[in-house]
Amino acid sequence: MTAFSGAAGARWVLCATRNPFAAVRMYCFPHSGGMPGEYMRWSQRLPEAEVWGVQLPGRGSRLAEPSLTELPDVVGAVVEGVEFGEPFVLFGHSLGALLAYETAVELVRRGLPLPEALVLSASPAPHLLTRPVSAADLDDDELAAAIARDYGPLHIDPDPAVRALLFGALRADLEVVSRFRARPPLPLNLPVTVLGGSKDSDPPASLAAWNEYTAGPFELRMFEGDHFYFREQPHEFFASLAEVLRQCVARRLQR
């Protein structure tokens, strides 16, 4: 897969397929330990959008950079490192949902252009987040078992070097969540769509609580499946996501 880097944020965002005719850009924040590649490939299913994956330090082409373990540091670095192309949507899955929301909040604080919408997947509202397993107390096999118990099995490459990369990124991301402390919500004047799997460990009510974080339109959409429901129900997922993106474009044209 050929990856194109954003000129203003070459380290931070990658795109597999440039689409100059796309009506909107979608920036995707991966799950804990995740890489942008899976999300970048979504461009093949979403002709409405040019899809960019957010790549955090300590993984992929940024492997030599130290991982960030404090959420304000991650969000501040993203906002400073990426010049978001307008119009744009922020998507985040699991930990990525928290990062996408906090990025939008930081854009508000700095008076920068805002996304057309937030699409938040498989994550409870911030005030309902539970502390993750303590990665420091577990070896790699024990950590994989704990993650599998809560979110489903990890897809682990048997190559020791690749395995080390995965667990290094995963431990850093779990540290971000463990250090996070929710603040009173800053309701954003943005449409927020929350997506989730019916068999995930977080109940739908905890996802619906995101409605406290927006003064704009809110919608919860549930799919059959677990934490990675979009891998189980790709047709339904991409049809739904495409509809959300079309709604964003329609709202923009009505202004």
Protein backbone atom coordinates (compact mmCIF):
# COMPACT_ATOMS: atom_id res chain seq x y z
CA MET A 1 0.00 0.00 0.00
CA THR A 2 1.45 3.35 -1.03
CA ALA A 3 1.01 5.98 1.64
CA PHE A 4 0.95 9.71 0.97
CA SER A 5 1.90 12.08 3.77
CA GLY A 6 0.17 15.35 4.48
CA ALA A 7 2.46 18.23 3.49
CA ALA A 8 1.88 20.10 6.73
CA GLY A 9 1.78 17.02 8.91
CA ALA A 10 3.94 14.51 7.09
CA ARG A 11 4.64 12.51 10.22
CA TRP A 12 1.13 12.63 11.62
CA VAL A 13 -1.28 11.71 8.83
CA LEU A 14 -1.10 9.20 5.99
CA CYS A 15 -3.39 8.58 3.03
CA ALA A 16 -3.47 5.47 0.86
CA THR A 17 -5.54 6.95 -1.99
CA ARG A 18 -5.68 10.67 -2.74
CA ASN A 19 -9.09 11.77 -3.98
CA PRO A 20 -9.18 15.39 -5.14
CA PHE A 21 -12.87 15.06 -5.97
CA ALA A 22 -13.90 13.92 -2.48
CA ALA A 23 -16.51 16.08 -0.81
CA VAL A 24 -14.92 15.71 2.63
CA ARG A 25 -11.78 14.46 4.33
CA MET A 26 -12.03 11.97 7.17
CA TYR A 27 -9.17 11.73 9.68
CA CYS A 28 -9.16 8.42 11.57
CA PHE A 29 -7.69 7.95 15.05
CA PRO A 30 -6.85 4.24 15.60
CA HIS A 31 -7.60 2.08 18.61
CA SER A 32 -5.05 1.29 21.34
CA GLY A 33 -1.93 -0.17 19.76
CA GLY A 34 -3.48 0.33 16.34
CA MET A 35 -1.84 1.52 13.16
CA PRO A 36 -3.39 3.82 10.54
CA GLY A 37 -3.20 1.24 7.72
CA GLU A 38 -6.52 -0.49 8.39
CA TYR A 39 -8.38 2.81 8.44
CA MET A 40 -6.60 4.21 5.39
CA ARG A 41 -7.89 1.28 3.33
CA TRP A 42 -11.44 2.43 4.02
CA SER A 43 -11.05 4.88 1.14
CA GLN A 44 -11.83 1.94 -1.16
CA ARG A 45 -15.32 1.73 0.35
CA LEU A 46 -15.99 5.46 0.84
CA PRO A 47 -15.87 7.38 -2.45
CA GLU A 48 -17.40 10.37 -0.66
CA ALA A 49 -14.25 10.91 1.39
CA GLU A 50 -10.51 11.18 1.25
CA VAL A 51 -9.47 9.05 4.21
CA TRP A 52 -6.39 9.86 6.28
CA GLY A 53 -5.00 7.77 9.14
CA VAL A 54 -3.45 9.46 12.16
CA GLN A 55 -0.06 7.97 13.03
CA LEU A 56 1.17 8.54 16.57
CA PRO A 57 4.84 8.50 17.62
CA GLY A 58 6.45 5.16 18.43
CA ARG A 59 4.93 3.16 15.59
CA GLY A 60 5.24 2.70 11.84
CA SER A 61 7.56 5.21 10.20
CA ARG A 62 7.73 7.04 13.55
CA LEU A 63 9.13 4.08 15.42
CA ALA A 64 12.29 5.93 16.48
CA GLU A 65 10.24 8.63 18.23
CA PRO A 66 9.28 8.15 21.89
CA SER A 67 5.64 7.28 22.49
CA LEU A 68 3.44 9.83 24.24
CA THR A 69 1.65 8.67 27.38
CA GLU A 70 -0.31 11.77 28.44
CA LEU A 71 -3.49 12.62 26.57
CA PRO A 72 -2.91 16.42 26.56
CA ASP A 73 0.52 15.83 25.01
CA VAL A 74 -0.97 13.62 22.29
CA VAL A 75 -3.77 16.03 21.44
CA GLY A 76 -1.59 19.13 21.56
CA ALA A 77 0.95 17.51 19.25
CA VAL A 78 -1.75 16.42 16.79
CA VAL A 79 -3.29 19.90 16.61
CA GLU A 80 0.12 21.50 16.15
CA GLY A 81 1.33 18.90 13.66
CA VAL A 82 -1.69 18.57 11.36
CA GLU A 83 -3.21 21.24 9.17
CA PHE A 84 -6.63 19.69 8.76
CA GLY A 85 -7.96 20.11 5.22
CA GLU A 86 -11.46 21.52 5.14
CA PRO A 87 -14.14 20.31 5.13
CA PHE A 88 -13.23 17.43 7.41
CA VAL A 89 -14.66 14.87 9.80
CA LEU A 90 -12.90 13.27 12.77
CA PHE A 91 -13.41 9.53 13.28
CA GLY A 92 -12.05 7.59 16.24
CA HIS A 93 -12.35 3.97 17.29
CA SER A 94 -11.99 2.96 20.97
CA LEU A 95 -9.12 5.06 22.37
CA GLY A 96 -9.27 6.91 19.06
CA ALA A 97 -12.77 8.15 19.92
CA LEU A 98 -11.43 9.89 23.02
CA LEU A 99 -8.56 11.35 21.00
CA ALA A 100 -10.93 12.58 18.27
CA TYR A 101 -13.20 14.30 20.80
CA GLU A 102 -10.33 15.89 22.72
CA THR A 103 -8.81 17.06 19.43
CA ALA A 104 -12.09 18.81 18.56
CA VAL A 105 -12.13 20.43 22.01
CA GLU A 106 -8.56 21.66 21.50
CA LEU A 107 -9.47 23.09 18.10
CA VAL A 108 -12.27 25.05 19.79
CA ARG A 109 -9.89 26.34 22.46
CA ARG A 110 -7.40 27.54 19.87
CA GLY A 111 -10.02 29.12 17.62
CA LEU A 112 -9.09 26.85 14.72
CA PRO A 113 -11.40 25.44 12.01
CA LEU A 114 -13.68 22.74 13.36
CA PRO A 115 -14.75 19.40 11.88
CA GLU A 116 -18.10 19.06 10.20
CA ALA A 117 -18.87 16.20 12.60
CA LEU A 118 -17.44 13.66 15.01
CA VAL A 119 -17.91 9.93 14.44
CA LEU A 120 -17.00 8.06 17.62
CA SER A 121 -16.81 4.28 17.68
CA ALA A 122 -16.79 1.62 20.41
CA SER A 123 -16.04 3.92 23.33
CA PRO A 124 -18.10 4.98 26.32
CA ALA A 125 -18.39 8.68 27.08
CA PRO A 126 -15.27 10.02 28.84
CA HIS A 127 -16.82 10.18 32.31
CA LEU A 128 -17.72 6.48 32.04
CA LEU A 129 -14.31 5.22 30.95
CA THR A 130 -12.91 2.54 33.21
CA ARG A 131 -9.24 2.23 34.01
CA PRO A 132 -7.60 -0.37 31.75
CA VAL A 133 -5.52 -3.26 32.91
CA SER A 134 -2.15 -2.17 34.30
CA ALA A 135 0.21 -3.05 31.48
CA ALA A 136 3.19 -2.56 33.78
CA ASP A 137 2.15 -5.56 35.87
CA LEU A 138 1.70 -7.97 32.95
CA ASP A 139 4.04 -9.62 30.49
CA ASP A 140 3.07 -9.64 26.80
CA ASP A 141 1.13 -12.93 26.92
CA GLU A 142 -0.79 -11.87 30.02
CA LEU A 143 -1.55 -8.47 28.48
CA ALA A 144 -2.81 -10.12 25.28
CA ALA A 145 -5.08 -12.38 27.35
CA ALA A 146 -6.46 -9.41 29.30
CA ILE A 147 -7.17 -7.46 26.11
CA ALA A 148 -8.81 -10.51 24.53
CA ARG A 149 -11.05 -10.92 27.57
CA ASP A 150 -12.31 -7.34 27.35
CA TYR A 151 -12.21 -6.55 23.63
CA GLY A 152 -11.64 -9.72 21.65
CA PRO A 153 -8.46 -11.49 20.53
CA LEU A 154 -5.49 -9.53 19.27
CA HIS A 155 -4.12 -10.30 15.83
CA ILE A 156 -0.48 -10.86 16.76
CA ASP A 157 2.23 -11.40 14.17
CA PRO A 158 4.49 -14.28 15.27
CA ASP A 159 7.61 -12.35 14.23
CA PRO A 160 9.30 -11.26 17.51
CA ALA A 161 10.25 -7.84 16.12
CA VAL A 162 6.70 -7.11 14.93
CA ARG A 163 5.30 -8.42 18.21
CA ALA A 164 7.57 -6.07 20.15
CA LEU A 165 6.34 -3.11 18.11
CA LEU A 166 2.71 -4.00 18.74
CA PHE A 167 3.10 -4.33 22.48
CA GLY A 168 5.22 -1.20 22.75
CA ALA A 169 2.49 0.89 21.13
CA LEU A 170 -0.24 -0.89 23.07
CA ARG A 171 1.42 -0.27 26.43
CA ALA A 172 1.87 3.43 25.64
CA ASP A 173 -1.77 3.80 24.63
CA LEU A 174 -3.03 2.00 27.73
CA GLU A 175 -0.94 4.40 29.78
CA VAL A 176 -2.73 7.32 28.09
CA VAL A 177 -6.08 5.93 29.20
CA SER A 178 -4.92 5.03 32.72
CA ARG A 179 -3.70 8.61 33.30
CA PHE A 180 -6.79 10.24 31.82
CA ARG A 181 -9.18 11.98 34.18
CA ALA A 182 -12.52 13.15 32.79
CA ARG A 183 -13.44 16.80 33.13
CA PRO A 184 -16.91 18.33 32.98
CA PRO A 185 -17.93 18.03 29.34
CA LEU A 186 -17.47 20.95 27.00
CA PRO A 187 -20.52 20.53 24.76
CA LEU A 188 -19.45 21.01 21.17
CA ASN A 189 -21.79 22.59 18.68
CA LEU A 190 -21.16 19.70 16.29
CA PRO A 191 -23.10 16.71 15.02
CA VAL A 192 -21.93 13.59 16.84
CA THR A 193 -22.61 10.06 15.63
CA VAL A 194 -21.65 7.20 17.95
CA LEU A 195 -21.24 3.66 16.61
CA GLY A 196 -20.94 0.44 18.57
CA GLY A 197 -21.17 -3.34 18.55
CA SER A 198 -24.09 -5.05 20.26
CA LYS A 199 -21.79 -7.67 21.83
CA ASP A 200 -19.08 -5.28 22.99
CA SER A 201 -18.28 -5.10 26.70
CA ASP A 202 -19.55 -1.51 26.98
CA PRO A 203 -23.37 -1.30 27.14
CA PRO A 204 -25.22 0.95 24.67
CA ALA A 205 -26.15 3.33 27.50
CA SER A 206 -22.50 4.17 28.04
CA LEU A 207 -22.16 5.04 24.36
CA ALA A 208 -25.39 7.04 24.38
CA ALA A 209 -23.92 9.18 27.19
CA TRP A 210 -21.85 10.96 24.53
CA ASN A 211 -24.98 13.05 23.93
CA GLU A 212 -23.88 15.12 26.94
CA TYR A 213 -20.83 16.23 24.96
CA THR A 214 -22.56 17.98 22.09
CA ALA A 215 -25.11 20.74 21.68
CA GLY A 216 -25.61 19.62 18.09
CA PRO A 217 -27.43 16.65 16.56
CA PHE A 218 -26.68 13.30 18.17
CA GLU A 219 -27.26 9.77 16.95
CA LEU A 220 -26.35 6.31 18.24
CA ARG A 221 -26.06 3.47 15.74
CA MET A 222 -25.54 -0.10 16.88
CA PHE A 223 -24.30 -3.03 14.79
CA GLU A 224 -24.25 -6.76 15.37
CA GLY A 225 -20.80 -7.70 16.63
CA ASP A 226 -18.11 -7.11 19.23
CA HIS A 227 -15.54 -4.38 19.78
CA PHE A 228 -14.42 -4.59 16.15
CA TYR A 229 -17.93 -4.90 14.76
CA PHE A 230 -16.91 -3.18 11.51
CA ARG A 231 -14.75 -6.18 10.64
CA GLU A 232 -17.76 -8.46 11.15
CA GLN A 233 -20.37 -6.28 9.42
CA PRO A 234 -18.42 -4.33 6.80
CA HIS A 235 -21.31 -3.84 4.37
CA GLU A 236 -23.64 -2.40 6.98
CA PHE A 237 -20.86 -0.37 8.57
CA PHE A 238 -19.63 1.32 5.41
CA ALA A 239 -23.16 2.02 4.19
CA SER A 240 -23.91 3.72 7.49
CA LEU A 241 -20.65 5.66 7.54
CA ALA A 242 -21.20 6.82 3.96
CA GLU A 243 -24.63 8.09 4.97
CA VAL A 244 -23.11 10.07 7.85
CA LEU A 245 -20.58 11.65 5.48
CA ARG A 246 -23.29 12.56 2.96
CA GLN A 247 -25.26 14.23 5.76
CA CYS A 248 -22.21 16.30 6.64
CA VAL A 249 -21.84 17.48 3.06
CA ALA A 250 -25.57 18.28 2.81
CA ARG A 251 -25.47 20.37 6.00
CA ARG A 252 -22.48 22.30 4.70
CA LEU A 253 -24.23 23.08 1.41
CA GLN A 254 -27.27 24.38 3.32
CA ARG A 255 -25.28 27.05 5.18
